[in-house]
Amino acid sequence: MAEGRDVAIATVVETWGSAPRPVGSHLVIDEAGNFEGSVSGGCVEGSVITEAMEVISQGKPRMLEFGVADETAWQVGLSCGGRIKVYVERLG
């Protein structure tokens, strides 16, 4: 933000079962897709980054949910048996 880039923050807000990161974990993303931090140990970061870039452009926050029971979870690699909810919001 100090460099004039628009950014979003993704925060793990709920977990169930064997979740890769605890509640409160963060991933910060800029409009170019650069990121720092982790919400899933790598297994759903790509999807969260894509959603965060849309949040930056649209300005509307989103709640994302990933779990082993969801088909998308297998596509993005969350096969650890847990579920996570990630809240994504634009900063600034």
N, C-alpha and C. Protein backbone atom coordinates (compact mmCIF):
# COMPACT_ATOMS: atom_id res chain seq x y z
N MET A 1 0.83 -1.18 0.00
CA MET A 1 0.00 0.00 0.00
C MET A 1 0.88 1.25 0.00
N ALA A 2 1.99 1.20 0.71
CA ALA A 2 2.88 2.35 0.77
C ALA A 2 3.47 2.68 -0.60
N GLU A 3 3.52 1.66 -1.47
CA GLU A 3 4.03 1.85 -2.82
C GLU A 3 2.93 2.18 -3.82
N GLY A 4 1.72 2.42 -3.31
CA GLY A 4 0.61 2.80 -4.18
C GLY A 4 -0.13 1.65 -4.82
N ARG A 5 0.13 0.44 -4.38
CA ARG A 5 -0.57 -0.73 -4.94
C ARG A 5 -1.86 -1.00 -4.17
N ASP A 6 -2.90 -1.43 -4.90
CA ASP A 6 -4.13 -1.87 -4.25
C ASP A 6 -3.91 -3.28 -3.74
N VAL A 7 -4.37 -3.55 -2.53
CA VAL A 7 -4.16 -4.87 -1.93
C VAL A 7 -5.44 -5.39 -1.26
N ALA A 8 -5.47 -6.71 -1.13
CA ALA A 8 -6.53 -7.38 -0.39
C ALA A 8 -5.86 -8.27 0.65
N ILE A 9 -6.61 -8.57 1.69
CA ILE A 9 -6.12 -9.51 2.70
C ILE A 9 -7.12 -10.65 2.81
N ALA A 10 -6.59 -11.85 2.83
CA ALA A 10 -7.40 -13.05 3.02
C ALA A 10 -7.08 -13.59 4.41
N THR A 11 -8.12 -13.90 5.18
CA THR A 11 -7.94 -14.34 6.56
C THR A 11 -8.72 -15.62 6.79
N VAL A 12 -8.07 -16.62 7.36
CA VAL A 12 -8.77 -17.85 7.76
C VAL A 12 -9.66 -17.49 8.94
N VAL A 13 -10.99 -17.67 8.79
CA VAL A 13 -11.92 -17.29 9.85
C VAL A 13 -12.54 -18.50 10.55
N GLU A 14 -12.51 -19.67 9.90
CA GLU A 14 -13.01 -20.90 10.53
C GLU A 14 -12.27 -22.09 9.95
N THR A 15 -12.10 -23.11 10.78
CA THR A 15 -11.52 -24.37 10.32
C THR A 15 -12.30 -25.53 10.93
N TRP A 16 -12.29 -26.65 10.23
CA TRP A 16 -12.88 -27.89 10.75
C TRP A 16 -11.93 -29.03 10.41
N GLY A 17 -11.80 -29.97 11.32
CA GLY A 17 -10.98 -31.15 11.06
C GLY A 17 -9.51 -30.80 10.90
N SER A 18 -8.87 -31.49 9.99
CA SER A 18 -7.44 -31.32 9.74
C SER A 18 -7.21 -30.17 8.77
N ALA A 19 -7.16 -28.96 9.30
CA ALA A 19 -6.97 -27.77 8.47
C ALA A 19 -5.49 -27.42 8.39
N PRO A 20 -5.03 -26.97 7.21
CA PRO A 20 -3.60 -26.70 7.03
C PRO A 20 -3.06 -25.49 7.78
N ARG A 21 -3.89 -24.48 8.04
CA ARG A 21 -3.46 -23.28 8.77
C ARG A 21 -4.52 -22.93 9.80
N PRO A 22 -4.12 -22.35 10.93
CA PRO A 22 -5.09 -22.01 11.98
C PRO A 22 -5.88 -20.74 11.67
N VAL A 23 -6.98 -20.58 12.39
CA VAL A 23 -7.76 -19.35 12.31
C VAL A 23 -6.83 -18.17 12.59
N GLY A 24 -7.01 -17.10 11.83
CA GLY A 24 -6.17 -15.92 11.99
C GLY A 24 -5.02 -15.84 11.00
N SER A 25 -4.76 -16.93 10.27
CA SER A 25 -3.69 -16.90 9.27
C SER A 25 -4.08 -15.95 8.13
N HIS A 26 -3.08 -15.25 7.57
CA HIS A 26 -3.33 -14.23 6.55
C HIS A 26 -2.53 -14.48 5.28
N LEU A 27 -3.11 -14.00 4.18
CA LEU A 27 -2.44 -13.93 2.89
C LEU A 27 -2.75 -12.55 2.33
N VAL A 28 -1.71 -11.77 2.00
CA VAL A 28 -1.89 -10.43 1.44
C VAL A 28 -1.58 -10.52 -0.05
N ILE A 29 -2.46 -9.93 -0.88
CA ILE A 29 -2.35 -10.03 -2.32
C ILE A 29 -2.47 -8.64 -2.93
N ASP A 30 -1.63 -8.34 -3.95
CA ASP A 30 -1.81 -7.07 -4.65
C ASP A 30 -2.51 -7.30 -5.99
N GLU A 31 -2.81 -6.20 -6.70
CA GLU A 31 -3.58 -6.31 -7.94
C GLU A 31 -2.84 -7.05 -9.04
N ALA A 32 -1.53 -7.21 -8.92
CA ALA A 32 -0.74 -7.94 -9.92
C ALA A 32 -0.62 -9.43 -9.59
N GLY A 33 -1.18 -9.84 -8.45
CA GLY A 33 -1.10 -11.24 -8.06
C GLY A 33 0.09 -11.59 -7.19
N ASN A 34 0.88 -10.59 -6.81
CA ASN A 34 1.98 -10.82 -5.87
C ASN A 34 1.36 -11.08 -4.51
N PHE A 35 1.96 -11.96 -3.73
CA PHE A 35 1.37 -12.29 -2.43
C PHE A 35 2.43 -12.60 -1.40
N GLU A 36 2.00 -12.52 -0.14
CA GLU A 36 2.86 -12.89 0.98
C GLU A 36 1.98 -13.46 2.08
N GLY A 37 2.46 -14.52 2.72
CA GLY A 37 1.71 -15.18 3.77
C GLY A 37 1.12 -16.48 3.27
N SER A 38 0.20 -17.06 4.06
CA SER A 38 -0.40 -18.34 3.68
C SER A 38 -1.71 -18.55 4.44
N VAL A 39 -2.70 -19.07 3.73
CA VAL A 39 -3.96 -19.45 4.38
C VAL A 39 -4.19 -20.95 4.31
N SER A 40 -3.31 -21.66 3.59
CA SER A 40 -3.58 -23.09 3.41
C SER A 40 -2.36 -23.95 3.22
N GLY A 41 -1.21 -23.46 3.46
CA GLY A 41 -0.03 -24.27 3.23
C GLY A 41 0.21 -24.55 1.77
N GLY A 42 -0.39 -23.75 0.90
CA GLY A 42 -0.17 -23.89 -0.53
C GLY A 42 -1.28 -24.58 -1.30
N CYS A 43 -2.15 -25.31 -0.60
CA CYS A 43 -3.12 -26.13 -1.34
C CYS A 43 -4.27 -25.36 -1.97
N VAL A 44 -4.65 -24.20 -1.47
CA VAL A 44 -5.72 -23.42 -2.12
C VAL A 44 -5.29 -21.98 -2.42
N GLU A 45 -4.03 -21.66 -2.23
CA GLU A 45 -3.56 -20.29 -2.43
C GLU A 45 -3.91 -19.74 -3.81
N GLY A 46 -3.72 -20.52 -4.86
CA GLY A 46 -3.99 -20.05 -6.22
C GLY A 46 -5.42 -19.57 -6.38
N SER A 47 -6.36 -20.33 -5.86
CA SER A 47 -7.76 -19.95 -5.94
C SER A 47 -8.05 -18.69 -5.11
N VAL A 48 -7.46 -18.60 -3.93
CA VAL A 48 -7.65 -17.43 -3.07
C VAL A 48 -7.07 -16.19 -3.74
N ILE A 49 -5.91 -16.31 -4.37
CA ILE A 49 -5.28 -15.18 -5.06
C ILE A 49 -6.17 -14.69 -6.20
N THR A 50 -6.71 -15.61 -6.99
CA THR A 50 -7.61 -15.25 -8.09
C THR A 50 -8.83 -14.50 -7.57
N GLU A 51 -9.44 -15.03 -6.50
CA GLU A 51 -10.61 -14.37 -5.91
C GLU A 51 -10.24 -13.00 -5.34
N ALA A 52 -9.08 -12.91 -4.72
CA ALA A 52 -8.64 -11.65 -4.13
C ALA A 52 -8.43 -10.57 -5.19
N MET A 53 -7.92 -10.95 -6.35
CA MET A 53 -7.73 -9.98 -7.42
C MET A 53 -9.08 -9.44 -7.90
N GLU A 54 -10.11 -10.28 -7.89
CA GLU A 54 -11.46 -9.81 -8.23
C GLU A 54 -12.01 -8.89 -7.13
N VAL A 55 -11.73 -9.24 -5.88
CA VAL A 55 -12.16 -8.38 -4.76
C VAL A 55 -11.51 -7.01 -4.88
N ILE A 56 -10.24 -6.96 -5.25
CA ILE A 56 -9.55 -5.68 -5.42
C ILE A 56 -10.22 -4.86 -6.51
N SER A 57 -10.53 -5.48 -7.65
CA SER A 57 -11.11 -4.72 -8.76
C SER A 57 -12.56 -4.32 -8.51
N GLN A 58 -13.32 -5.17 -7.80
CA GLN A 58 -14.74 -4.90 -7.57
C GLN A 58 -15.01 -4.19 -6.24
N GLY A 59 -14.13 -4.35 -5.29
CA GLY A 59 -14.30 -3.72 -3.99
C GLY A 59 -15.25 -4.43 -3.05
N LYS A 60 -15.83 -5.57 -3.46
CA LYS A 60 -16.77 -6.29 -2.61
C LYS A 60 -16.08 -7.47 -1.94
N PRO A 61 -16.14 -7.56 -0.61
CA PRO A 61 -15.51 -8.71 0.09
C PRO A 61 -16.23 -10.01 -0.25
N ARG A 62 -15.52 -11.11 -0.02
CA ARG A 62 -16.08 -12.44 -0.29
C ARG A 62 -15.69 -13.41 0.83
N MET A 63 -16.59 -14.36 1.06
CA MET A 63 -16.30 -15.47 1.97
C MET A 63 -16.10 -16.70 1.10
N LEU A 64 -14.95 -17.32 1.21
CA LEU A 64 -14.62 -18.52 0.44
C LEU A 64 -14.61 -19.71 1.37
N GLU A 65 -15.04 -20.86 0.87
CA GLU A 65 -15.01 -22.08 1.67
C GLU A 65 -14.42 -23.21 0.85
N PHE A 66 -13.48 -23.91 1.44
CA PHE A 66 -12.83 -25.04 0.79
C PHE A 66 -12.89 -26.24 1.73
N GLY A 67 -13.22 -27.39 1.19
CA GLY A 67 -13.27 -28.59 2.01
C GLY A 67 -13.13 -29.83 1.17
N VAL A 68 -12.75 -30.91 1.80
CA VAL A 68 -12.51 -32.16 1.10
C VAL A 68 -13.77 -32.70 0.43
N ALA A 69 -14.95 -32.30 0.93
CA ALA A 69 -16.19 -32.78 0.35
C ALA A 69 -16.56 -32.03 -0.92
N ASP A 70 -15.95 -30.88 -1.15
CA ASP A 70 -16.26 -30.07 -2.33
C ASP A 70 -15.39 -30.52 -3.50
N GLU A 71 -16.00 -30.62 -4.68
CA GLU A 71 -15.25 -30.99 -5.88
C GLU A 71 -14.11 -30.01 -6.12
N THR A 72 -14.34 -28.71 -5.87
CA THR A 72 -13.30 -27.72 -6.09
C THR A 72 -12.13 -27.92 -5.14
N ALA A 73 -12.38 -28.46 -3.97
CA ALA A 73 -11.29 -28.71 -3.03
C ALA A 73 -10.28 -29.69 -3.61
N TRP A 74 -10.76 -30.73 -4.26
CA TRP A 74 -9.85 -31.69 -4.88
C TRP A 74 -9.12 -31.04 -6.04
N GLN A 75 -9.81 -30.17 -6.77
CA GLN A 75 -9.17 -29.49 -7.91
C GLN A 75 -8.03 -28.61 -7.44
N VAL A 76 -8.19 -27.94 -6.31
CA VAL A 76 -7.14 -27.04 -5.82
C VAL A 76 -6.20 -27.73 -4.84
N GLY A 77 -6.48 -28.97 -4.48
CA GLY A 77 -5.53 -29.73 -3.68
C GLY A 77 -5.78 -29.81 -2.20
N LEU A 78 -6.96 -29.43 -1.71
CA LEU A 78 -7.23 -29.52 -0.27
C LEU A 78 -7.73 -30.93 0.05
N SER A 79 -6.81 -31.86 0.06
CA SER A 79 -7.18 -33.25 0.32
C SER A 79 -6.77 -33.68 1.73
N CYS A 80 -6.51 -32.72 2.61
CA CYS A 80 -6.05 -33.03 3.96
C CYS A 80 -7.16 -33.53 4.87
N GLY A 81 -8.40 -33.45 4.39
CA GLY A 81 -9.51 -33.94 5.19
C GLY A 81 -10.22 -32.87 5.97
N GLY A 82 -9.72 -31.65 5.95
CA GLY A 82 -10.35 -30.57 6.69
C GLY A 82 -11.13 -29.63 5.80
N ARG A 83 -11.64 -28.58 6.43
CA ARG A 83 -12.35 -27.53 5.72
C ARG A 83 -11.89 -26.19 6.29
N ILE A 84 -11.85 -25.19 5.41
CA ILE A 84 -11.50 -23.85 5.87
C ILE A 84 -12.45 -22.82 5.25
N LYS A 85 -12.69 -21.75 6.00
CA LYS A 85 -13.40 -20.58 5.49
C LYS A 85 -12.41 -19.44 5.49
N VAL A 86 -12.36 -18.72 4.35
CA VAL A 86 -11.42 -17.62 4.20
C VAL A 86 -12.18 -16.37 3.79
N TYR A 87 -12.03 -15.30 4.56
CA TYR A 87 -12.67 -14.02 4.27
C TYR A 87 -11.66 -13.15 3.53
N VAL A 88 -12.07 -12.63 2.37
CA VAL A 88 -11.19 -11.80 1.54
C VAL A 88 -11.77 -10.40 1.44
N GLU A 89 -10.97 -9.39 1.78
CA GLU A 89 -11.44 -8.01 1.71
C GLU A 89 -10.34 -7.10 1.18
N ARG A 90 -10.76 -6.05 0.50
CA ARG A 90 -9.83 -5.05 -0.01
C ARG A 90 -9.43 -4.12 1.13
N LEU A 91 -8.17 -3.72 1.14
CA LEU A 91 -7.69 -2.78 2.14
C LEU A 91 -7.50 -1.41 1.52
N GLY A 92 -7.66 -0.39 2.34
CA GLY A 92 -7.41 0.96 1.89
C GLY A 92 -8.56 1.56 1.23
